[in-house]
PDB file of N, CA and C in Angstrom:
ATOM      1  N   MET A   1       0.783  -1.118  -0.019  1.00  0.00           N
ATOM      2  CA  MET A   1      -0.056  -0.084  -0.229  1.00  0.00           C
ATOM      3  C   MET A   1       0.801   1.164   0.059  1.00  0.00           C
ATOM      4  N   GLY A   2       0.376   2.239  -0.536  1.00  0.00           N
ATOM      5  CA  GLY A   2       0.998   3.549  -0.447  1.00  0.00           C
ATOM      6  C   GLY A   2       0.077   4.517  -1.245  1.00  0.00           C
ATOM      7  N   ILE A   3       0.861   5.726  -1.428  1.00  0.00           N
ATOM      8  CA  ILE A   3       0.111   6.672  -2.110  1.00  0.00           C
ATOM      9  C   ILE A   3       0.788   6.776  -3.749  1.00  0.00           C
ATOM     10  N   ARG A   4       0.014   6.894  -4.594  1.00  0.00           N
ATOM     11  CA  ARG A   4       0.271   6.684  -5.928  1.00  0.00           C
ATOM     12  C   ARG A   4      -0.103   7.976  -6.623  1.00  0.00           C
ATOM     13  N   SER A   5       0.712   8.854  -7.076  1.00  0.00           N
ATOM     14  CA  SER A   5       0.709  10.193  -7.818  1.00  0.00           C
ATOM     15  C   SER A   5       0.357   9.987  -9.198  1.00  0.00           C
ATOM     16  N   ASN A   6      -0.695  10.641  -9.616  1.00  0.00           N
ATOM     17  CA  ASN A   6      -0.660  10.637 -11.330  1.00  0.00           C
ATOM     18  C   ASN A   6       0.083  11.732 -11.700  1.00  0.00           C
ATOM     19  N   LEU A   7       1.055  12.269 -11.080  1.00  0.00           N
ATOM     20  CA  LEU A   7       2.079  13.204 -11.423  1.00  0.00           C
ATOM     21  C   LEU A   7       3.317  12.578 -11.679  1.00  0.00           C
ATOM     22  N   ALA A   8       3.450  11.135 -11.339  1.00  0.00           N
ATOM     23  CA  ALA A   8       4.748  10.501 -11.589  1.00  0.00           C
ATOM     24  C   ALA A   8       5.455  10.471 -12.919  1.00  0.00           C
ATOM     25  N   HIS A   9       4.380  10.081 -13.962  1.00  0.00           N
ATOM     26  CA  HIS A   9       5.137  10.131 -15.089  1.00  0.00           C
ATOM     27  C   HIS A   9       5.487  11.590 -15.653  1.00  0.00           C
ATOM     28  N   ALA A  10       4.754  12.771 -15.397  1.00  0.00           N
ATOM     29  CA  ALA A  10       4.788  14.018 -15.927  1.00  0.00           C
ATOM     30  C   ALA A  10       6.182  14.382 -15.000  1.00  0.00           C
ATOM     31  N   ASP A  11       6.470  13.909 -13.745  1.00  0.00           N
ATOM     32  CA  ASP A  11       7.493  14.418 -13.124  1.00  0.00           C
ATOM     33  C   ASP A  11       8.893  13.850 -13.755  1.00  0.00           C
ATOM     34  N   ALA A  12       8.774  12.501 -14.076  1.00  0.00           N
ATOM     35  CA  ALA A  12       9.940  11.812 -14.882  1.00  0.00           C
ATOM     36  C   ALA A  12      10.212  12.630 -16.146  1.00  0.00           C
ATOM     37  N   VAL A  13       9.165  13.087 -16.898  1.00  0.00           N
ATOM     38  CA  VAL A  13       9.384  13.674 -18.294  1.00  0.00           C
ATOM     39  C   VAL A  13      10.208  15.078 -18.010  1.00  0.00           C
ATOM     40  N   LEU A  14       9.583  15.667 -16.920  1.00  0.00           N
ATOM     41  CA  LEU A  14      10.159  17.074 -16.503  1.00  0.00           C
ATOM     42  C   LEU A  14      11.531  17.000 -15.881  1.00  0.00           C
ATOM     43  N   THR A  15      11.999  16.030 -15.168  1.00  0.00           N
ATOM     44  CA  THR A  15      13.376  15.850 -14.922  1.00  0.00           C
ATOM     45  C   THR A  15      14.215  15.622 -16.074  1.00  0.00           C
ATOM     46  N   TYR A  16      13.890  14.800 -16.952  1.00  0.00           N
ATOM     47  CA  TYR A  16      14.533  14.693 -18.392  1.00  0.00           C
ATOM     48  C   TYR A  16      14.747  15.988 -19.114  1.00  0.00           C
ATOM     49  N   VAL A  17      13.573  16.805 -19.079  1.00  0.00           N
ATOM     50  CA  VAL A  17      13.586  18.183 -19.831  1.00  0.00           C
ATOM     51  C   VAL A  17      14.540  18.930 -19.163  1.00  0.00           C
ATOM     52  N   ASN A  18      14.643  19.045 -17.777  1.00  0.00           N
ATOM     53  CA  ASN A  18      15.398  19.759 -17.083  1.00  0.00           C
ATOM     54  C   ASN A  18      16.818  19.588 -17.376  1.00  0.00           C
ATOM     55  N   ARG A  19      17.377  18.364 -17.382  1.00  0.00           N
ATOM     56  CA  ARG A  19      18.753  18.111 -17.631  1.00  0.00           C
ATOM     57  C   ARG A  19      19.157  18.147 -19.147  1.00  0.00           C
ATOM     58  N   ASN A  20      18.166  18.086 -19.910  1.00  0.00           N
ATOM     59  CA  ASN A  20      18.616  18.336 -21.299  1.00  0.00           C
ATOM     60  C   ASN A  20      18.205  19.337 -22.079  1.00  0.00           C
ATOM     61  N   MET A  21      17.553  20.380 -21.716  1.00  0.00           N
ATOM     62  CA  MET A  21      17.319  21.678 -22.310  1.00  0.00           C
ATOM     63  C   MET A  21      18.370  22.405 -22.735  1.00  0.00           C
ATOM     64  N   GLY A  22      18.211  23.265 -23.757  1.00  0.00           N
ATOM     65  CA  GLY A  22      19.526  24.209 -24.265  1.00  0.00           C
ATOM     66  C   GLY A  22      19.798  25.054 -22.907  1.00  0.00           C
ATOM     67  N   GLN A  23      20.995  25.128 -22.682  1.00  0.00           N
ATOM     68  CA  GLN A  23      21.601  25.891 -21.523  1.00  0.00           C
ATOM     69  C   GLN A  23      21.370  27.454 -21.599  1.00  0.00           C
ATOM     70  N   ASP A  24      21.034  27.840 -22.644  1.00  0.00           N
ATOM     71  CA  ASP A  24      20.807  29.397 -22.763  1.00  0.00           C
ATOM     72  C   ASP A  24      19.170  29.641 -22.763  1.00  0.00           C
ATOM     73  N   ASP A  25      18.416  28.447 -22.671  1.00  0.00           N
ATOM     74  CA  ASP A  25      16.799  28.721 -22.915  1.00  0.00           C
ATOM     75  C   ASP A  25      16.334  28.741 -21.395  1.00  0.00           C
ATOM     76  N   THR A  26      15.310  29.523 -21.138  1.00  0.00           N
ATOM     77  CA  THR A  26      14.666  29.463 -20.216  1.00  0.00           C
ATOM     78  C   THR A  26      13.041  29.224 -20.357  1.00  0.00           C
ATOM     79  N   TYR A  27      12.605  27.995 -19.850  1.00  0.00           N
ATOM     80  CA  TYR A  27      11.150  27.671 -20.151  1.00  0.00           C
ATOM     81  C   TYR A  27      10.334  28.034 -19.175  1.00  0.00           C
ATOM     82  N   TRP A  28       9.023  28.544 -19.460  1.00  0.00           N
ATOM     83  CA  TRP A  28       7.984  28.939 -18.525  1.00  0.00           C
ATOM     84  C   TRP A  28       7.208  27.628 -18.107  1.00  0.00           C
ATOM     85  N   LEU A  29       7.283  27.127 -16.768  1.00  0.00           N
ATOM     86  CA  LEU A  29       6.671  26.181 -16.253  1.00  0.00           C
ATOM     87  C   LEU A  29       5.258  26.557 -15.459  1.00  0.00           C
ATOM     88  N   GLU A  30       4.338  25.800 -15.803  1.00  0.00           N
ATOM     89  CA  GLU A  30       3.011  26.092 -15.311  1.00  0.00           C
ATOM     90  C   GLU A  30       2.355  24.515 -14.955  1.00  0.00           C
ATOM     91  N   GLY A  31       1.414  24.592 -14.168  1.00  0.00           N
ATOM     92  CA  GLY A  31       0.580  23.401 -14.012  1.00  0.00           C
ATOM     93  C   GLY A  31      -0.341  23.079 -15.153  1.00  0.00           C
ATOM     94  N   TYR A  32      -0.622  21.893 -15.431  1.00  0.00           N
ATOM     95  CA  TYR A  32      -1.645  21.549 -16.593  1.00  0.00           C
ATOM     96  C   TYR A  32      -2.846  20.826 -15.795  1.00  0.00           C
ATOM     97  N   GLN A  33      -4.162  20.948 -16.104  1.00  0.00           N
ATOM     98  CA  GLN A  33      -4.993  20.201 -15.708  1.00  0.00           C
ATOM     99  C   GLN A  33      -6.171  20.131 -16.532  1.00  0.00           C
ATOM    100  N   SER A  34      -6.604  18.893 -16.985  1.00  0.00           N
ATOM    101  CA  SER A  34      -7.881  18.778 -17.798  1.00  0.00           C
ATOM    102  C   SER A  34      -8.496  17.541 -17.467  1.00  0.00           C
ATOM    103  N   GLY A  35      -9.542  17.695 -16.554  1.00  0.00           N
ATOM    104  CA  GLY A  35     -10.427  16.408 -16.085  1.00  0.00           C
ATOM    105  C   GLY A  35      -9.377  15.666 -15.508  1.00  0.00           C
ATOM    106  N   TRP A  36      -9.250  14.384 -15.766  1.00  0.00           N
ATOM    107  CA  TRP A  36      -8.376  13.450 -14.908  1.00  0.00           C
ATOM    108  C   TRP A  36      -6.852  13.662 -15.178  1.00  0.00           C
ATOM    109  N   GLU A  37      -6.362  14.415 -16.388  1.00  0.00           N
ATOM    110  CA  GLU A  37      -5.160  14.560 -16.460  1.00  0.00           C
ATOM    111  C   GLU A  37      -4.584  15.903 -15.803  1.00  0.00           C
ATOM    112  N   ASN A  38      -3.439  15.322 -15.044  1.00  0.00           N
ATOM    113  CA  ASN A  38      -2.829  16.392 -14.281  1.00  0.00           C
ATOM    114  C   ASN A  38      -1.302  16.244 -14.749  1.00  0.00           C
ATOM    115  N   GLY A  39      -0.648  17.476 -14.999  1.00  0.00           N
ATOM    116  CA  GLY A  39       0.752  17.374 -15.379  1.00  0.00           C
ATOM    117  C   GLY A  39       1.352  18.816 -15.433  1.00  0.00           C
ATOM    118  N   TYR A  40       2.120  19.089 -16.455  1.00  0.00           N
ATOM    119  CA  TYR A  40       2.805  20.286 -16.392  1.00  0.00           C
ATOM    120  C   TYR A  40       2.579  21.010 -18.085  1.00  0.00           C
ATOM    121  N   ALA A  41       2.823  22.274 -17.933  1.00  0.00           N
ATOM    122  CA  ALA A  41       2.954  22.971 -19.303  1.00  0.00           C
ATOM    123  C   ALA A  41       4.128  23.774 -19.345  1.00  0.00           C
ATOM    124  N   LEU A  42       4.811  23.610 -20.358  1.00  0.00           N
ATOM    125  CA  LEU A  42       6.080  24.492 -20.677  1.00  0.00           C
ATOM    126  C   LEU A  42       5.752  25.228 -21.797  1.00  0.00           C
ATOM    127  N   SER A  43       6.390  26.424 -21.944  1.00  0.00           N
ATOM    128  CA  SER A  43       6.323  27.120 -23.071  1.00  0.00           C
ATOM    129  C   SER A  43       7.729  28.056 -23.187  1.00  0.00           C
ATOM    130  N   LEU A  44       8.042  28.318 -24.392  1.00  0.00           N
ATOM    131  CA  LEU A  44       9.280  28.984 -24.810  1.00  0.00           C
ATOM    132  C   LEU A  44       8.808  29.841 -26.079  1.00  0.00           C
ATOM    133  N   GLY A  45       8.965  31.129 -25.791  1.00  0.00           N
ATOM    134  CA  GLY A  45       8.393  31.967 -26.943  1.00  0.00           C
ATOM    135  C   GLY A  45       6.909  31.869 -27.050  1.00  0.00           C
ATOM    136  N   ASP A  46       6.477  31.577 -28.335  1.00  0.00           N
ATOM    137  CA  ASP A  46       5.057  31.509 -28.668  1.00  0.00           C
ATOM    138  C   ASP A  46       4.609  29.890 -28.738  1.00  0.00           C
ATOM    139  N   ARG A  47       5.677  29.020 -28.267  1.00  0.00           N
ATOM    140  CA  ARG A  47       5.380  27.603 -28.520  1.00  0.00           C
ATOM    141  C   ARG A  47       4.912  26.975 -27.044  1.00  0.00           C
ATOM    142  N   MET A  48       4.100  26.047 -26.920  1.00  0.00           N
ATOM    143  CA  MET A  48       3.676  25.456 -25.764  1.00  0.00           C
ATOM    144  C   MET A  48       3.518  23.988 -25.731  1.00  0.00           C
ATOM    145  N   VAL A  49       3.708  23.282 -24.817  1.00  0.00           N
ATOM    146  CA  VAL A  49       3.522  21.965 -24.732  1.00  0.00           C
ATOM    147  C   VAL A  49       2.933  21.624 -23.398  1.00  0.00           C
ATOM    148  N   ALA A  50       1.988  20.550 -23.262  1.00  0.00           N
ATOM    149  CA  ALA A  50       1.373  20.144 -22.008  1.00  0.00           C
ATOM    150  C   ALA A  50       1.608  18.683 -21.918  1.00  0.00           C
ATOM    151  N   PHE A  51       1.874  18.039 -20.939  1.00  0.00           N
ATOM    152  CA  PHE A  51       2.083  16.564 -20.856  1.00  0.00           C
ATOM    153  C   PHE A  51       1.726  15.953 -19.450  1.00  0.00           C
ATOM    154  N   SER A  52       1.138  14.831 -19.529  1.00  0.00           N
ATOM    155  CA  SER A  52       0.805  14.147 -18.334  1.00  0.00           C
ATOM    156  C   SER A  52       0.693  12.636 -18.532  1.00  0.00           C
ATOM    157  N   GLU A  53      -0.033  11.950 -17.573  1.00  0.00           N
ATOM    158  CA  GLU A  53      -0.440  10.617 -17.772  1.00  0.00           C
ATOM    159  C   GLU A  53      -1.727  10.637 -18.532  1.00  0.00           C
ATOM    160  N   TYR A  54      -1.930  10.019 -19.531  1.00  0.00           N
ATOM    161  CA  TYR A  54      -3.198  10.083 -20.393  1.00  0.00           C
ATOM    162  C   TYR A  54      -4.388   9.528 -19.435  1.00  0.00           C
ATOM    163  N   ARG A  55      -5.464  10.269 -19.601  1.00  0.00           N
ATOM    164  CA  ARG A  55      -6.617   9.840 -18.794  1.00  0.00           C
ATOM    165  C   ARG A  55      -7.187   8.342 -19.056  1.00  0.00           C
ATOM    166  N   LYS A  56      -7.030   7.858 -20.312  1.00  0.00           N
ATOM    167  CA  LYS A  56      -7.669   6.614 -20.655  1.00  0.00           C
ATOM    168  C   LYS A  56      -6.598   5.344 -20.517  1.00  0.00           C
ATOM    169  N   SER A  57      -5.457   5.609 -20.247  1.00  0.00           N
ATOM    170  CA  SER A  57      -4.371   4.675 -20.151  1.00  0.00           C
ATOM    171  C   SER A  57      -3.123   5.140 -19.110  1.00  0.00           C
ATOM    172  N   ASP A  58      -2.141   4.149 -19.089  1.00  0.00           N
ATOM    173  CA  ASP A  58      -1.119   4.831 -18.446  1.00  0.00           C
ATOM    174  C   ASP A  58       0.016   5.352 -19.258  1.00  0.00           C
ATOM    175  N   GLN A  59      -0.309   5.533 -20.435  1.00  0.00           N
ATOM    176  CA  GLN A  59       0.610   6.342 -21.399  1.00  0.00           C
ATOM    177  C   GLN A  59       0.821   7.690 -20.930  1.00  0.00           C
ATOM    178  N   ILE A  60       2.086   8.176 -21.395  1.00  0.00           N
ATOM    179  CA  ILE A  60       2.378   9.554 -21.219  1.00  0.00           C
ATOM    180  C   ILE A  60       1.908  10.109 -22.442  1.00  0.00           C
ATOM    181  N   VAL A  61       1.154  11.301 -22.317  1.00  0.00           N
ATOM    182  CA  VAL A  61       0.566  12.204 -23.670  1.00  0.00           C
ATOM    183  C   VAL A  61       1.308  13.404 -23.538  1.00  0.00           C
ATOM    184  N   VAL A  62       1.535  13.948 -24.769  1.00  0.00           N
ATOM    185  CA  VAL A  62       2.215  15.143 -25.047  1.00  0.00           C
ATOM    186  C   VAL A  62       1.402  16.009 -26.111  1.00  0.00           C
ATOM    187  N   TYR A  63       0.862  17.132 -25.679  1.00  0.00           N
ATOM    188  CA  TYR A  63       0.247  18.116 -26.480  1.00  0.00           C
ATOM    189  C   TYR A  63       1.134  19.255 -26.806  1.00  0.00           C
ATOM    190  N   THR A  64       1.353  19.434 -28.215  1.00  0.00           N
ATOM    191  CA  THR A  64       2.201  20.562 -28.728  1.00  0.00           C
ATOM    192  C   THR A  64       1.234  21.588 -29.543  1.00  0.00           C
ATOM    193  N   GLY A  65       1.496  22.826 -29.292  1.00  0.00           N
ATOM    194  CA  GLY A  65       0.899  23.908 -30.177  1.00  0.00           C
ATOM    195  C   GLY A  65       1.392  25.081 -29.712  1.00  0.00           C
ATOM    196  N   HIS A  66       0.692  26.302 -30.163  1.00  0.00           N
ATOM    197  CA  HIS A  66       1.201  27.662 -29.834  1.00  0.00           C
ATOM    198  C   HIS A  66       0.583  27.898 -28.583  1.00  0.00           C
ATOM    199  N   VAL A  67       1.154  28.981 -27.905  1.00  0.00           N
ATOM    200  CA  VAL A  67       0.344  29.422 -26.683  1.00  0.00           C
ATOM    201  C   VAL A  67      -1.028  29.722 -26.614  1.00  0.00           C
ATOM    202  N   ILE A  68      -1.541  30.413 -27.937  1.00  0.00           N
ATOM    203  CA  ILE A  68      -2.793  30.635 -28.312  1.00  0.00           C
ATOM    204  C   ILE A  68      -3.727  29.506 -28.391  1.00  0.00           C
ATOM    205  N   ASP A  69      -3.325  28.263 -28.626  1.00  0.00           N
ATOM    206  CA  ASP A  69      -3.923  26.951 -28.738  1.00  0.00           C
ATOM    207  C   ASP A  69      -4.372  26.195 -27.323  1.00  0.00           C
ATOM    208  N   PHE A  70      -3.836  26.994 -26.263  1.00  0.00           N
ATOM    209  CA  PHE A  70      -4.202  26.478 -25.039  1.00  0.00           C
ATOM    210  C   PHE A  70      -5.025  27.353 -24.150  1.00  0.00           C
ATOM    211  N   ALA A  71      -6.016  26.995 -23.413  1.00  0.00           N
ATOM    212  CA  ALA A  71      -6.942  27.854 -22.542  1.00  0.00           C
ATOM    213  C   ALA A  71      -6.033  28.234 -21.525  1.00  0.00           C
ATOM    214  N   MET A  72      -6.261  29.543 -21.074  1.00  0.00           N
ATOM    215  CA  MET A  72      -5.459  29.936 -19.832  1.00  0.00           C
ATOM    216  C   MET A  72      -5.823  29.264 -18.655  1.00  0.00           C
ATOM    217  N   ALA A  73      -7.031  28.946 -18.443  1.00  0.00           N
ATOM    218  CA  ALA A  73      -7.450  28.256 -17.190  1.00  0.00           C
ATOM    219  C   ALA A  73      -7.039  26.823 -17.329  1.00  0.00           C
ATOM    220  N   GLY A  74      -6.023  26.420 -16.665  1.00  0.00           N
ATOM    221  CA  GLY A  74      -5.586  25.076 -16.693  1.00  0.00           C
ATOM    222  C   GLY A  74      -4.531  24.630 -17.805  1.00  0.00           C
ATOM    223  N   ASN A  75      -4.203  25.525 -18.776  1.00  0.00           N
ATOM    224  CA  ASN A  75      -3.539  25.201 -19.983  1.00  0.00           C
ATOM    225  C   ASN A  75      -4.095  24.098 -20.951  1.00  0.00           C
ATOM    226  N   VAL A  76      -5.257  24.103 -20.914  1.00  0.00           N
ATOM    227  CA  VAL A  76      -6.309  22.842 -21.587  1.00  0.00           C
ATOM    228  C   VAL A  76      -5.844  23.152 -23.052  1.00  0.00           C
ATOM    229  N   PRO A  77      -5.520  22.125 -23.895  1.00  0.00           N
ATOM    230  CA  PRO A  77      -5.254  22.160 -25.377  1.00  0.00           C
ATOM    231  C   PRO A  77      -6.531  22.440 -25.888  1.00  0.00           C
ATOM    232  N   SER A  78      -6.616  23.078 -27.202  1.00  0.00           N
ATOM    233  CA  SER A  78      -7.763  23.063 -27.995  1.00  0.00           C
ATOM    234  C   SER A  78      -8.019  21.737 -28.582  1.00  0.00           C
ATOM    235  N   ASN A  79      -9.203  21.320 -29.207  1.00  0.00           N
ATOM    236  CA  ASN A  79      -9.534  20.226 -29.734  1.00  0.00           C
ATOM    237  C   ASN A  79      -8.436  19.773 -30.829  1.00  0.00           C
ATOM    238  N   ARG A  80      -8.171  20.734 -31.799  1.00  0.00           N
ATOM    239  CA  ARG A  80      -7.150  20.609 -32.849  1.00  0.00           C
ATOM    240  C   ARG A  80      -5.753  20.117 -32.322  1.00  0.00           C
ATOM    241  N   VAL A  81      -5.403  20.529 -31.170  1.00  0.00           N
ATOM    242  CA  VAL A  81      -4.173  20.165 -30.512  1.00  0.00           C
ATOM    243  C   VAL A  81      -4.212  18.890 -29.938  1.00  0.00           C
ATOM    244  N   GLU A  82      -5.406  18.515 -29.355  1.00  0.00           N
ATOM    245  CA  GLU A  82      -5.713  17.326 -28.610  1.00  0.00           C
ATOM    246  C   GLU A  82      -5.599  16.025 -29.667  1.00  0.00           C
ATOM    247  N   GLU A  83      -6.203  16.451 -30.852  1.00  0.00           N
ATOM    248  CA  GLU A  83      -6.323  15.395 -31.901  1.00  0.00           C
ATOM    249  C   GLU A  83      -4.921  15.041 -32.533  1.00  0.00           C
ATOM    250  N   ASN A  84      -3.897  15.882 -32.263  1.00  0.00           N
ATOM    251  CA  ASN A  84      -2.546  15.562 -32.930  1.00  0.00           C
ATOM    252  C   ASN A  84      -1.771  15.246 -31.652  1.00  0.00           C
ATOM    253  N   ALA A  85      -2.220  14.805 -30.408  1.00  0.00           N
ATOM    254  CA  ALA A  85      -1.335  14.403 -29.417  1.00  0.00           C
ATOM    255  C   ALA A  85      -0.360  13.303 -29.731  1.00  0.00           C
ATOM    256  N   THR A  86       0.890  13.103 -29.088  1.00  0.00           N
ATOM    257  CA  THR A  86       1.668  12.133 -29.135  1.00  0.00           C
ATOM    258  C   THR A  86       1.924  11.345 -27.963  1.00  0.00           C
ATOM    259  N   PHE A  87       1.881  10.111 -28.037  1.00  0.00           N
ATOM    260  CA  PHE A  87       1.693   9.203 -26.878  1.00  0.00           C
ATOM    261  C   PHE A  87       3.127   8.332 -26.802  1.00  0.00           C
ATOM    262  N   PHE A  88       3.289   8.161 -25.603  1.00  0.00           N
ATOM    263  CA  PHE A  88       4.546   7.390 -25.231  1.00  0.00           C
ATOM    264  C   PHE A  88       4.160   6.295 -24.088  1.00  0.00           C
ATOM    265  N   ASP A  89       4.884   5.028 -24.145  1.00  0.00           N
ATOM    266  CA  ASP A  89       4.619   4.199 -23.171  1.00  0.00           C
ATOM    267  C   ASP A  89       5.216   4.849 -21.764  1.00  0.00           C
ATOM    268  N   CYS A  90       4.689   4.308 -20.866  1.00  0.00           N
ATOM    269  CA  CYS A  90       4.977   4.941 -19.437  1.00  0.00           C
ATOM    270  C   CYS A  90       6.714   4.932 -19.076  1.00  0.00           C
ATOM    271  N   GLY A  91       7.227   3.918 -19.714  1.00  0.00           N
ATOM    272  CA  GLY A  91       8.688   3.946 -19.608  1.00  0.00           C
ATOM    273  C   GLY A  91       9.549   4.800 -20.461  1.00  0.00           C
ATOM    274  N   GLU A  92       8.869   5.562 -21.236  1.00  0.00           N
ATOM    275  CA  GLU A  92       9.686   6.317 -22.272  1.00  0.00           C
ATOM    276  C   GLU A  92       9.573   7.770 -22.008  1.00  0.00           C
ATOM    277  N   ALA A  93       9.942   8.223 -20.686  1.00  0.00           N
ATOM    278  CA  ALA A  93       9.745   9.640 -20.319  1.00  0.00           C
ATOM    279  C   ALA A  93      10.964  10.563 -20.983  1.00  0.00           C
ATOM    280  N   GLU A  94      12.008   9.699 -21.285  1.00  0.00           N
ATOM    281  CA  GLU A  94      13.131  10.354 -21.936  1.00  0.00           C
ATOM    282  C   GLU A  94      12.718  10.814 -23.349  1.00  0.00           C
ATOM    283  N   ALA A  95      12.110   9.783 -24.162  1.00  0.00           N
ATOM    284  CA  ALA A  95      11.619   9.879 -25.507  1.00  0.00           C
ATOM    285  C   ALA A  95      10.575  11.180 -25.578  1.00  0.00           C
ATOM    286  N   ALA A  96       9.717  11.218 -24.615  1.00  0.00           N
ATOM    287  CA  ALA A  96       8.791  12.300 -24.417  1.00  0.00           C
ATOM    288  C   ALA A  96       9.452  13.547 -24.309  1.00  0.00           C
ATOM    289  N   ALA A  97      10.557  13.600 -23.408  1.00  0.00           N
ATOM    290  CA  ALA A  97      11.204  14.888 -23.104  1.00  0.00           C
ATOM    291  C   ALA A  97      12.121  15.329 -24.191  1.00  0.00           C
ATOM    292  N   ASP A  98      12.481  14.353 -25.035  1.00  0.00           N
ATOM    293  CA  ASP A  98      13.328  14.685 -26.373  1.00  0.00           C
ATOM    294  C   ASP A  98      12.291  15.426 -27.306  1.00  0.00           C
ATOM    295  N   LEU A  99      11.022  14.865 -27.371  1.00  0.00           N
ATOM    296  CA  LEU A  99       9.981  15.441 -28.372  1.00  0.00           C
ATOM    297  C   LEU A  99       9.578  16.974 -27.858  1.00  0.00           C
ATOM    298  N   ILE A 100       9.500  17.051 -26.562  1.00  0.00           N
ATOM    299  CA  ILE A 100       9.244  18.572 -25.940  1.00  0.00           C
ATOM    300  C   ILE A 100      10.381  19.378 -26.287  1.00  0.00           C
ATOM    301  N   ILE A 101      11.590  18.961 -25.968  1.00  0.00           N
ATOM    302  CA  ILE A 101      12.762  19.951 -26.253  1.00  0.00           C
ATOM    303  C   ILE A 101      12.808  20.208 -27.749  1.00  0.00           C
ATOM    304  N   GLN A 102      12.752  19.308 -28.723  1.00  0.00           N
ATOM    305  CA  GLN A 102      12.809  19.480 -30.023  1.00  0.00           C
ATOM    306  C   GLN A 102      11.723  20.466 -30.522  1.00  0.00           C
ATOM    307  N   TYR A 103      10.507  20.316 -29.906  1.00  0.00           N
ATOM    308  CA  TYR A 103       9.351  20.918 -30.590  1.00  0.00           C
ATOM    309  C   TYR A 103       9.528  22.633 -29.946  1.00  0.00           C
ATOM    310  N   LEU A 104       9.945  22.706 -28.538  1.00  0.00           N
ATOM    311  CA  LEU A 104       9.884  24.084 -28.031  1.00  0.00           C
ATOM    312  C   LEU A 104      11.244  24.885 -28.704  1.00  0.00           C
ATOM    313  N   GLU A 105      12.332  24.211 -28.842  1.00  0.00           N
ATOM    314  CA  GLU A 105      13.436  24.828 -29.351  1.00  0.00           C
ATOM    315  C   GLU A 105      13.548  25.009 -30.940  1.00  0.00           C
ATOM    316  N   GLN A 106      12.577  24.460 -31.514  1.00  0.00           N
ATOM    317  CA  GLN A 106      12.519  24.545 -33.113  1.00  0.00           C
ATOM    318  C   GLN A 106      12.380  25.938 -33.480  1.00  0.00           C
ATOM    319  N   ASP A 107      13.182  26.607 -34.397  1.00  0.00           N
ATOM    320  CA  ASP A 107      13.196  27.726 -34.895  1.00  0.00           C
ATOM    321  C   ASP A 107      13.425  28.787 -33.888  1.00  0.00           C
ATOM    322  N   HIS A 108      14.089  28.489 -32.778  1.00  0.00           N
ATOM    323  CA  HIS A 108      14.274  29.316 -31.545  1.00  0.00           C
ATOM    324  C   HIS A 108      15.776  29.739 -31.576  1.00  0.00           C
TER     325      HIS A 108
END
């Protein structure tokens, strides 16, 4: 028995992002919540990502878009962004982090 956090996968991804992001970059970190999904949102310039454990599985879900594609209340992605989500198995936090870094630092 014990406490299981639904932030465990998001915490693992955030740890990898923090270790591997560009040294000259500063990401803006906020909480992300949409229904049963709880995680983090990161932005750099006009790009934003939100990531968490997916509500329908144990997978990690990553939503990518521009800041205007996410609602200010909870950083909830638009329907278009949700439809283009990328999924990773729960043990692939490093791969999810690589996608996040690549997306945020693209054209930056």
